[in-house]
Amino acid sequence: MFNQSQLRWLAVWLLRVALAFSFLSAVADRFGLWGPFGVAGVGWGDFERFTAYTSRLLWFLPPSLVSPAAILATAAEGIVAGGLLVGWRLHWWAFAAAALLIGFALAMTGALGVKAPTDYSVWTAAAAACLLGMVALQERGTEGTRKLAEARKPEQYAQARVIQKGAS
């Protein structure tokens, strides 16, 4: 039915879309697009409530930096979601998503305990974003991957160099 290449493409596409829509859904909630606070499934309902939540997570920041942090987090999530959907240089966007999610999970863990990021699958999403980045990097075949492969199999590449020198 599907070959391995098609399944891989489908898995990458589904993961890109799932991560992007998760970021976009959170951003939409902050602007009340899912409804006001109190409606089922709405976490914040407005930016003020999100800023208060940000203050809880970033308890160590001075109050003057909480609002800029909330704005920065919102902008970062929107930009990363766009990058994931477009797919250009996907490995960069996937690793950016992973970094964002790991930062969020660490902040949640520090402020709310281990249960909160686990219940909301933040660690799982971060691991999925890391995996997406590795798959995208592998597919891209960048120089960085070749150097990594050389580091893993030095004898194979050393033998190829000896053969090349002998042919010269």
N, C-alpha and C. Protein backbone atom coordinates (compact mmCIF):
# COMPACT_ATOMS: atom_id res chain seq x y z
N MET A 1 0.83 -1.18 0.00
CA MET A 1 0.00 0.00 0.00
C MET A 1 0.88 1.26 0.00
N PHE A 2 1.66 1.49 1.06
CA PHE A 2 2.59 2.62 1.12
C PHE A 2 3.99 2.07 1.25
N ASN A 3 4.93 2.68 0.56
CA ASN A 3 6.32 2.27 0.76
C ASN A 3 6.91 3.09 1.91
N GLN A 4 8.12 2.75 2.29
CA GLN A 4 8.76 3.39 3.44
C GLN A 4 8.94 4.89 3.22
N SER A 5 9.29 5.28 2.02
CA SER A 5 9.49 6.69 1.71
C SER A 5 8.20 7.50 1.86
N GLN A 6 7.10 6.93 1.39
CA GLN A 6 5.81 7.61 1.50
C GLN A 6 5.36 7.72 2.96
N LEU A 7 5.57 6.65 3.74
CA LEU A 7 5.21 6.69 5.15
C LEU A 7 6.05 7.71 5.92
N ARG A 8 7.32 7.77 5.57
CA ARG A 8 8.20 8.75 6.21
C ARG A 8 7.73 10.17 5.90
N TRP A 9 7.41 10.45 4.62
CA TRP A 9 6.92 11.77 4.22
C TRP A 9 5.63 12.10 4.98
N LEU A 10 4.72 11.13 5.07
CA LEU A 10 3.45 11.35 5.77
C LEU A 10 3.68 11.64 7.25
N ALA A 11 4.57 10.87 7.88
CA ALA A 11 4.86 11.08 9.30
C ALA A 11 5.47 12.46 9.54
N VAL A 12 6.39 12.88 8.70
CA VAL A 12 7.01 14.20 8.83
C VAL A 12 5.96 15.28 8.64
N TRP A 13 5.13 15.13 7.63
CA TRP A 13 4.10 16.13 7.35
C TRP A 13 3.10 16.23 8.51
N LEU A 14 2.65 15.08 9.02
CA LEU A 14 1.71 15.09 10.15
C LEU A 14 2.32 15.73 11.38
N LEU A 15 3.58 15.44 11.65
CA LEU A 15 4.24 16.02 12.82
C LEU A 15 4.42 17.52 12.67
N ARG A 16 4.81 17.96 11.47
CA ARG A 16 4.92 19.41 11.21
C ARG A 16 3.60 20.11 11.48
N VAL A 17 2.53 19.57 10.93
CA VAL A 17 1.21 20.19 11.06
C VAL A 17 0.74 20.14 12.52
N ALA A 18 0.93 19.02 13.18
CA ALA A 18 0.49 18.89 14.57
C ALA A 18 1.21 19.89 15.48
N LEU A 19 2.52 19.99 15.33
CA LEU A 19 3.28 20.94 16.15
C LEU A 19 2.87 22.37 15.84
N ALA A 20 2.76 22.70 14.55
CA ALA A 20 2.40 24.07 14.16
C ALA A 20 1.01 24.44 14.68
N PHE A 21 0.04 23.55 14.51
CA PHE A 21 -1.31 23.88 14.97
C PHE A 21 -1.41 23.94 16.49
N SER A 22 -0.57 23.17 17.18
CA SER A 22 -0.55 23.27 18.64
C SER A 22 -0.06 24.65 19.07
N PHE A 23 1.01 25.13 18.43
CA PHE A 23 1.50 26.48 18.73
C PHE A 23 0.44 27.52 18.38
N LEU A 24 -0.15 27.40 17.20
CA LEU A 24 -1.15 28.38 16.76
C LEU A 24 -2.40 28.36 17.63
N SER A 25 -2.78 27.20 18.11
CA SER A 25 -3.95 27.10 19.00
C SER A 25 -3.70 27.84 20.31
N ALA A 26 -2.48 27.69 20.85
CA ALA A 26 -2.14 28.39 22.09
C ALA A 26 -2.14 29.90 21.87
N VAL A 27 -1.62 30.34 20.73
CA VAL A 27 -1.60 31.77 20.41
C VAL A 27 -3.05 32.27 20.25
N ALA A 28 -3.87 31.51 19.56
CA ALA A 28 -5.27 31.90 19.36
C ALA A 28 -6.00 32.03 20.70
N ASP A 29 -5.71 31.12 21.63
CA ASP A 29 -6.33 31.17 22.95
C ASP A 29 -5.97 32.46 23.68
N ARG A 30 -4.74 32.91 23.54
CA ARG A 30 -4.29 34.14 24.21
C ARG A 30 -5.02 35.37 23.70
N PHE A 31 -5.50 35.30 22.48
CA PHE A 31 -6.22 36.44 21.91
C PHE A 31 -7.73 36.24 21.90
N GLY A 32 -8.20 35.23 22.63
CA GLY A 32 -9.63 35.01 22.78
C GLY A 32 -10.33 34.40 21.57
N LEU A 33 -9.57 33.86 20.63
CA LEU A 33 -10.19 33.31 19.43
C LEU A 33 -10.91 31.98 19.68
N TRP A 34 -10.62 31.30 20.78
CA TRP A 34 -11.35 30.08 21.13
C TRP A 34 -12.51 30.39 22.07
N GLY A 35 -12.65 31.65 22.44
CA GLY A 35 -13.73 32.05 23.33
C GLY A 35 -13.18 32.69 24.59
N PRO A 36 -14.09 33.19 25.44
CA PRO A 36 -13.64 33.83 26.68
C PRO A 36 -13.24 32.79 27.73
N PHE A 37 -12.50 33.26 28.73
CA PHE A 37 -12.12 32.39 29.84
C PHE A 37 -13.38 31.82 30.48
N GLY A 38 -13.32 30.55 30.81
CA GLY A 38 -14.47 29.88 31.42
C GLY A 38 -15.19 28.95 30.46
N VAL A 39 -15.03 29.19 29.15
CA VAL A 39 -15.62 28.29 28.16
C VAL A 39 -14.77 27.01 28.15
N ALA A 40 -15.43 25.87 27.96
CA ALA A 40 -14.72 24.59 27.95
C ALA A 40 -13.58 24.61 26.94
N GLY A 41 -12.41 24.18 27.38
CA GLY A 41 -11.25 24.09 26.50
C GLY A 41 -10.44 25.37 26.37
N VAL A 42 -10.90 26.46 26.97
CA VAL A 42 -10.18 27.72 26.88
C VAL A 42 -9.29 27.85 28.12
N GLY A 43 -7.99 28.01 27.88
CA GLY A 43 -7.05 28.11 28.99
C GLY A 43 -6.89 29.51 29.51
N TRP A 44 -6.87 30.49 28.60
CA TRP A 44 -6.64 31.87 29.01
C TRP A 44 -7.77 32.78 28.57
N GLY A 45 -8.10 32.78 27.31
CA GLY A 45 -9.18 33.62 26.82
C GLY A 45 -8.80 35.06 26.52
N ASP A 46 -7.72 35.53 27.09
CA ASP A 46 -7.23 36.87 26.79
C ASP A 46 -5.76 36.97 27.18
N PHE A 47 -5.12 38.01 26.69
CA PHE A 47 -3.68 38.14 26.89
C PHE A 47 -3.33 38.46 28.35
N GLU A 48 -4.22 39.12 29.05
CA GLU A 48 -3.94 39.43 30.46
C GLU A 48 -3.80 38.17 31.30
N ARG A 49 -4.71 37.23 31.08
CA ARG A 49 -4.62 35.95 31.82
C ARG A 49 -3.35 35.19 31.44
N PHE A 50 -3.00 35.24 30.17
CA PHE A 50 -1.77 34.57 29.74
C PHE A 50 -0.55 35.23 30.40
N THR A 51 -0.56 36.54 30.49
CA THR A 51 0.56 37.25 31.13
C THR A 51 0.64 36.88 32.61
N ALA A 52 -0.50 36.72 33.27
CA ALA A 52 -0.50 36.30 34.67
C ALA A 52 0.08 34.88 34.79
N TYR A 53 -0.27 34.01 33.84
CA TYR A 53 0.27 32.64 33.82
C TYR A 53 1.79 32.68 33.58
N THR A 54 2.22 33.54 32.67
CA THR A 54 3.64 33.71 32.39
C THR A 54 4.37 34.16 33.66
N SER A 55 3.74 35.04 34.41
CA SER A 55 4.32 35.52 35.67
C SER A 55 4.50 34.37 36.66
N ARG A 56 3.53 33.45 36.66
CA ARG A 56 3.64 32.28 37.54
C ARG A 56 4.80 31.38 37.13
N LEU A 57 4.94 31.17 35.82
CA LEU A 57 5.99 30.29 35.34
C LEU A 57 7.37 30.92 35.48
N LEU A 58 7.44 32.22 35.22
CA LEU A 58 8.72 32.93 35.28
C LEU A 58 8.81 33.76 36.56
N TRP A 59 8.53 33.13 37.66
CA TRP A 59 8.49 33.77 38.98
C TRP A 59 9.79 34.48 39.32
N PHE A 60 10.89 34.06 38.72
CA PHE A 60 12.21 34.62 39.02
C PHE A 60 12.48 35.93 38.27
N LEU A 61 11.63 36.28 37.29
CA LEU A 61 11.82 37.53 36.54
C LEU A 61 11.27 38.72 37.31
N PRO A 62 11.89 39.88 37.16
CA PRO A 62 11.29 41.09 37.73
C PRO A 62 9.95 41.36 37.03
N PRO A 63 8.98 41.90 37.72
CA PRO A 63 7.65 42.14 37.13
C PRO A 63 7.70 42.95 35.83
N SER A 64 8.67 43.82 35.68
CA SER A 64 8.75 44.64 34.47
C SER A 64 9.10 43.81 33.23
N LEU A 65 9.64 42.62 33.41
CA LEU A 65 10.03 41.78 32.27
C LEU A 65 9.01 40.70 31.92
N VAL A 66 7.98 40.54 32.75
CA VAL A 66 7.00 39.49 32.51
C VAL A 66 6.20 39.75 31.24
N SER A 67 5.70 40.96 31.06
CA SER A 67 4.92 41.27 29.87
C SER A 67 5.74 41.13 28.59
N PRO A 68 6.98 41.65 28.53
CA PRO A 68 7.80 41.40 27.34
C PRO A 68 8.06 39.91 27.10
N ALA A 69 8.22 39.13 28.18
CA ALA A 69 8.43 37.69 28.03
C ALA A 69 7.19 37.02 27.43
N ALA A 70 6.01 37.45 27.86
CA ALA A 70 4.77 36.89 27.31
C ALA A 70 4.63 37.24 25.83
N ILE A 71 4.97 38.46 25.49
CA ILE A 71 4.91 38.89 24.08
C ILE A 71 5.93 38.12 23.25
N LEU A 72 7.14 37.98 23.78
CA LEU A 72 8.20 37.25 23.08
C LEU A 72 7.82 35.78 22.88
N ALA A 73 7.26 35.15 23.89
CA ALA A 73 6.84 33.75 23.77
C ALA A 73 5.76 33.60 22.71
N THR A 74 4.81 34.51 22.71
CA THR A 74 3.72 34.47 21.74
C THR A 74 4.26 34.65 20.32
N ALA A 75 5.13 35.64 20.14
CA ALA A 75 5.72 35.87 18.82
C ALA A 75 6.54 34.67 18.37
N ALA A 76 7.33 34.11 19.28
CA ALA A 76 8.16 32.95 18.94
C ALA A 76 7.30 31.77 18.52
N GLU A 77 6.22 31.52 19.23
CA GLU A 77 5.34 30.41 18.87
C GLU A 77 4.69 30.63 17.51
N GLY A 78 4.27 31.84 17.23
CA GLY A 78 3.67 32.13 15.93
C GLY A 78 4.67 31.99 14.79
N ILE A 79 5.88 32.49 15.00
CA ILE A 79 6.92 32.42 13.97
C ILE A 79 7.35 30.97 13.72
N VAL A 80 7.56 30.23 14.79
CA VAL A 80 7.97 28.83 14.65
C VAL A 80 6.86 28.02 13.97
N ALA A 81 5.62 28.28 14.32
CA ALA A 81 4.50 27.59 13.66
C ALA A 81 4.50 27.86 12.16
N GLY A 82 4.71 29.12 11.79
CA GLY A 82 4.78 29.46 10.37
C GLY A 82 5.92 28.75 9.67
N GLY A 83 7.08 28.71 10.31
CA GLY A 83 8.23 28.02 9.73
C GLY A 83 7.98 26.53 9.56
N LEU A 84 7.33 25.92 10.54
CA LEU A 84 7.00 24.49 10.42
C LEU A 84 6.04 24.23 9.27
N LEU A 85 5.06 25.11 9.11
CA LEU A 85 4.08 24.93 8.03
C LEU A 85 4.71 25.14 6.66
N VAL A 86 5.55 26.16 6.53
CA VAL A 86 6.20 26.42 5.24
C VAL A 86 7.19 25.31 4.91
N GLY A 87 7.96 24.89 5.90
CA GLY A 87 8.87 23.77 5.72
C GLY A 87 10.24 24.11 5.15
N TRP A 88 10.51 25.35 4.84
CA TRP A 88 11.82 25.74 4.33
C TRP A 88 12.82 25.64 5.47
N ARG A 89 13.93 24.97 5.26
CA ARG A 89 14.93 24.72 6.31
C ARG A 89 14.25 24.12 7.55
N LEU A 90 13.49 23.08 7.29
CA LEU A 90 12.66 22.45 8.32
C LEU A 90 13.44 22.07 9.56
N HIS A 91 14.68 21.61 9.39
CA HIS A 91 15.45 21.20 10.57
C HIS A 91 15.64 22.36 11.54
N TRP A 92 15.86 23.58 11.05
CA TRP A 92 16.01 24.74 11.94
C TRP A 92 14.73 25.01 12.70
N TRP A 93 13.61 24.97 12.01
CA TRP A 93 12.32 25.25 12.66
C TRP A 93 11.97 24.16 13.67
N ALA A 94 12.29 22.91 13.33
CA ALA A 94 12.00 21.82 14.26
C ALA A 94 12.85 21.95 15.53
N PHE A 95 14.13 22.27 15.37
CA PHE A 95 14.97 22.44 16.56
C PHE A 95 14.56 23.69 17.35
N ALA A 96 14.10 24.73 16.67
CA ALA A 96 13.58 25.92 17.37
C ALA A 96 12.34 25.54 18.17
N ALA A 97 11.47 24.73 17.58
CA ALA A 97 10.27 24.27 18.29
C ALA A 97 10.67 23.45 19.51
N ALA A 98 11.66 22.58 19.34
CA ALA A 98 12.12 21.76 20.46
C ALA A 98 12.68 22.64 21.58
N ALA A 99 13.48 23.63 21.22
CA ALA A 99 14.05 24.52 22.24
C ALA A 99 12.95 25.29 22.97
N LEU A 100 11.98 25.77 22.22
CA LEU A 100 10.86 26.50 22.82
C LEU A 100 10.09 25.59 23.78
N LEU A 101 9.81 24.38 23.35
CA LEU A 101 9.06 23.44 24.18
C LEU A 101 9.85 22.98 25.40
N ILE A 102 11.15 22.78 25.23
CA ILE A 102 11.97 22.39 26.38
C ILE A 102 12.03 23.52 27.39
N GLY A 103 12.18 24.76 26.91
CA GLY A 103 12.16 25.91 27.81
C GLY A 103 10.84 26.02 28.56
N PHE A 104 9.76 25.81 27.82
CA PHE A 104 8.43 25.87 28.43
C PHE A 104 8.27 24.74 29.46
N ALA A 105 8.71 23.53 29.12
CA ALA A 105 8.59 22.40 30.03
C ALA A 105 9.42 22.62 31.30
N LEU A 106 10.62 23.17 31.14
CA LEU A 106 11.45 23.45 32.31
C LEU A 106 10.83 24.51 33.20
N ALA A 107 10.27 25.56 32.58
CA ALA A 107 9.61 26.60 33.36
C ALA A 107 8.39 26.04 34.09
N MET A 108 7.61 25.21 33.40
CA MET A 108 6.45 24.59 34.04
C MET A 108 6.88 23.68 35.19
N THR A 109 7.92 22.90 34.97
CA THR A 109 8.40 21.98 36.00
C THR A 109 8.89 22.76 37.22
N GLY A 110 9.65 23.82 36.99
CA GLY A 110 10.17 24.62 38.09
C GLY A 110 9.08 25.33 38.88
N ALA A 111 8.06 25.79 38.21
CA ALA A 111 7.02 26.57 38.88
C ALA A 111 5.85 25.73 39.38
N LEU A 112 5.50 24.68 38.61
CA LEU A 112 4.28 23.92 38.92
C LEU A 112 4.53 22.47 39.31
N GLY A 113 5.75 22.02 39.14
CA GLY A 113 6.07 20.62 39.44
C GLY A 113 6.08 19.76 38.18
N VAL A 114 6.47 18.51 38.36
CA VAL A 114 6.66 17.59 37.25
C VAL A 114 5.35 17.21 36.56
N LYS A 115 4.27 17.19 37.30
CA LYS A 115 3.01 16.71 36.76
C LYS A 115 2.44 17.60 35.65
N ALA A 116 2.54 18.91 35.78
CA ALA A 116 1.93 19.82 34.80
C ALA A 116 2.45 19.62 33.38
N PRO A 117 3.77 19.69 33.14
CA PRO A 117 4.23 19.50 31.75
C PRO A 117 4.01 18.08 31.25
N THR A 118 3.96 17.13 32.18
CA THR A 118 3.70 15.75 31.79
C THR A 118 2.24 15.58 31.36
N ASP A 119 1.32 16.16 32.13
CA ASP A 119 -0.10 16.07 31.80
C ASP A 119 -0.42 16.73 30.46
N TYR A 120 0.28 17.81 30.13
CA TYR A 120 0.03 18.51 28.87
C TYR A 120 0.95 18.04 27.74
N SER A 121 1.68 16.96 27.98
CA SER A 121 2.55 16.33 26.97
C SER A 121 3.59 17.28 26.38
N VAL A 122 4.05 18.22 27.18
CA VAL A 122 5.05 19.17 26.69
C VAL A 122 6.37 18.46 26.42
N TRP A 123 6.76 17.56 27.30
CA TRP A 123 8.00 16.81 27.08
C TRP A 123 7.88 15.93 25.83
N THR A 124 6.72 15.34 25.63
CA THR A 124 6.50 14.51 24.44
C THR A 124 6.59 15.34 23.17
N ALA A 125 5.98 16.51 23.18
CA ALA A 125 6.04 17.40 22.01
C ALA A 125 7.47 17.85 21.75
N ALA A 126 8.22 18.13 22.82
CA ALA A 126 9.62 18.54 22.66
C ALA A 126 10.44 17.41 22.04
N ALA A 127 10.22 16.19 22.51
CA ALA A 127 10.94 15.04 21.94
C ALA A 127 10.55 14.83 20.48
N ALA A 128 9.27 15.01 20.16
CA ALA A 128 8.80 14.86 18.78
C ALA A 128 9.44 15.92 17.89
N ALA A 129 9.56 17.15 18.39
CA ALA A 129 10.19 18.21 17.61
C ALA A 129 11.68 17.91 17.38
N CYS A 130 12.35 17.36 18.39
CA CYS A 130 13.76 16.95 18.22
C CYS A 130 13.88 15.86 17.16
N LEU A 131 12.99 14.89 17.22
CA LEU A 131 13.02 13.82 16.22
C LEU A 131 12.75 14.37 14.82
N LEU A 132 11.80 15.28 14.71
CA LEU A 132 11.51 15.91 13.42
C LEU A 132 12.75 16.63 12.90
N GLY A 133 13.46 17.33 13.77
CA GLY A 133 14.68 18.01 13.37
C GLY A 133 15.74 17.04 12.88
N MET A 134 15.89 15.92 13.56
CA MET A 134 16.89 14.93 13.14
C MET A 134 16.51 14.30 11.80
N VAL A 135 15.25 13.99 11.61
CA VAL A 135 14.80 13.40 10.34
C VAL A 135 14.99 14.41 9.21
N ALA A 136 14.62 15.65 9.46
CA ALA A 136 14.76 16.69 8.43
C ALA A 136 16.23 16.93 8.11
N LEU A 137 17.08 16.92 9.11
CA LEU A 137 18.52 17.10 8.91
C LEU A 137 19.09 15.93 8.10
N GLN A 138 18.66 14.74 8.42
CA GLN A 138 19.12 13.55 7.69
C GLN A 138 18.68 13.60 6.23
N GLU A 139 17.44 14.00 5.99
CA GLU A 139 16.93 14.08 4.62
C GLU A 139 17.65 15.16 3.82
N ARG A 140 18.02 16.23 4.49
CA ARG A 140 18.69 17.34 3.81
C ARG A 140 20.09 16.96 3.37
N GLY A 141 20.71 16.03 4.11
CA GLY A 141 22.05 15.59 3.75
C GLY A 141 23.08 16.69 3.83
N THR A 142 22.96 17.51 4.87
CA THR A 142 23.88 18.64 5.01
C THR A 142 25.29 18.16 5.31
N GLU A 143 26.23 19.04 5.15
CA GLU A 143 27.62 18.75 5.43
C GLU A 143 27.80 18.29 6.87
N GLY A 144 26.99 18.86 7.77
CA GLY A 144 27.07 18.48 9.17
C GLY A 144 26.77 17.01 9.39
N THR A 145 25.85 16.46 8.63
CA THR A 145 25.54 15.04 8.78
C THR A 145 26.67 14.19 8.26
N ARG A 146 27.29 14.61 7.17
CA ARG A 146 28.40 13.83 6.63
C ARG A 146 29.58 13.83 7.61
N LYS A 147 29.84 14.96 8.21
CA LYS A 147 30.94 15.02 9.18
C LYS A 147 30.63 14.12 10.38
N LEU A 148 29.35 14.08 10.79
CA LEU A 148 28.95 13.21 11.88
C LEU A 148 29.15 11.76 11.48
N ALA A 149 28.80 11.41 10.26
CA ALA A 149 28.98 10.04 9.78
C ALA A 149 30.46 9.69 9.73
N GLU A 150 31.31 10.63 9.33
CA GLU A 150 32.75 10.37 9.30
C GLU A 150 33.28 10.10 10.69
N ALA A 151 32.77 10.82 11.66
CA ALA A 151 33.22 10.63 13.03
C ALA A 151 32.84 9.25 13.55
N ARG A 152 31.75 8.71 13.05
CA ARG A 152 31.31 7.40 13.50
C ARG A 152 32.04 6.26 12.80
N LYS A 153 32.50 6.47 11.56
CA LYS A 153 33.13 5.40 10.80
C LYS A 153 34.46 5.89 10.21
N PRO A 154 35.41 6.24 11.04
CA PRO A 154 36.66 6.80 10.52
C PRO A 154 37.44 5.82 9.65
N GLU A 155 37.39 4.52 9.97
CA GLU A 155 38.17 3.57 9.20
C GLU A 155 37.67 3.47 7.76
N GLN A 156 36.38 3.58 7.56
CA GLN A 156 35.81 3.52 6.22
C GLN A 156 36.28 4.71 5.39
N TYR A 157 36.26 5.89 5.95
CA TYR A 157 36.67 7.09 5.22
C TYR A 157 38.18 7.16 5.05
N ALA A 158 38.91 6.65 6.03
CA ALA A 158 40.37 6.62 5.91
C ALA A 158 40.78 5.69 4.78
N GLN A 159 40.10 4.55 4.65
CA GLN A 159 40.40 3.61 3.58
C GLN A 159 40.11 4.24 2.22
N ALA A 160 39.00 4.98 2.12
CA ALA A 160 38.66 5.65 0.86
C ALA A 160 39.72 6.68 0.50
N ARG A 161 40.28 7.38 1.48
CA ARG A 161 41.32 8.37 1.22
C ARG A 161 42.60 7.71 0.73
N VAL A 162 42.94 6.56 1.31
CA VAL A 162 44.14 5.82 0.90
C VAL A 162 44.00 5.37 -0.55
N ILE A 163 42.83 4.87 -0.90
CA ILE A 163 42.57 4.42 -2.27
C ILE A 163 42.69 5.59 -3.24
N GLN A 164 42.13 6.75 -2.83
CA GLN A 164 42.19 7.93 -3.69
C GLN A 164 43.65 8.38 -3.89
N LYS A 165 44.46 8.34 -2.84
CA LYS A 165 45.85 8.76 -2.94
C LYS A 165 46.63 7.79 -3.82
N GLY A 166 46.32 6.50 -3.73
CA GLY A 166 47.00 5.50 -4.54
C GLY A 166 46.67 5.65 -6.02
N ALA A 167 45.47 6.13 -6.33
CA ALA A 167 45.04 6.31 -7.72
C ALA A 167 45.66 7.54 -8.34
N SER A 168 46.14 8.48 -7.52
CA SER A 168 46.72 9.73 -8.06
C SER A 168 48.05 9.54 -8.69
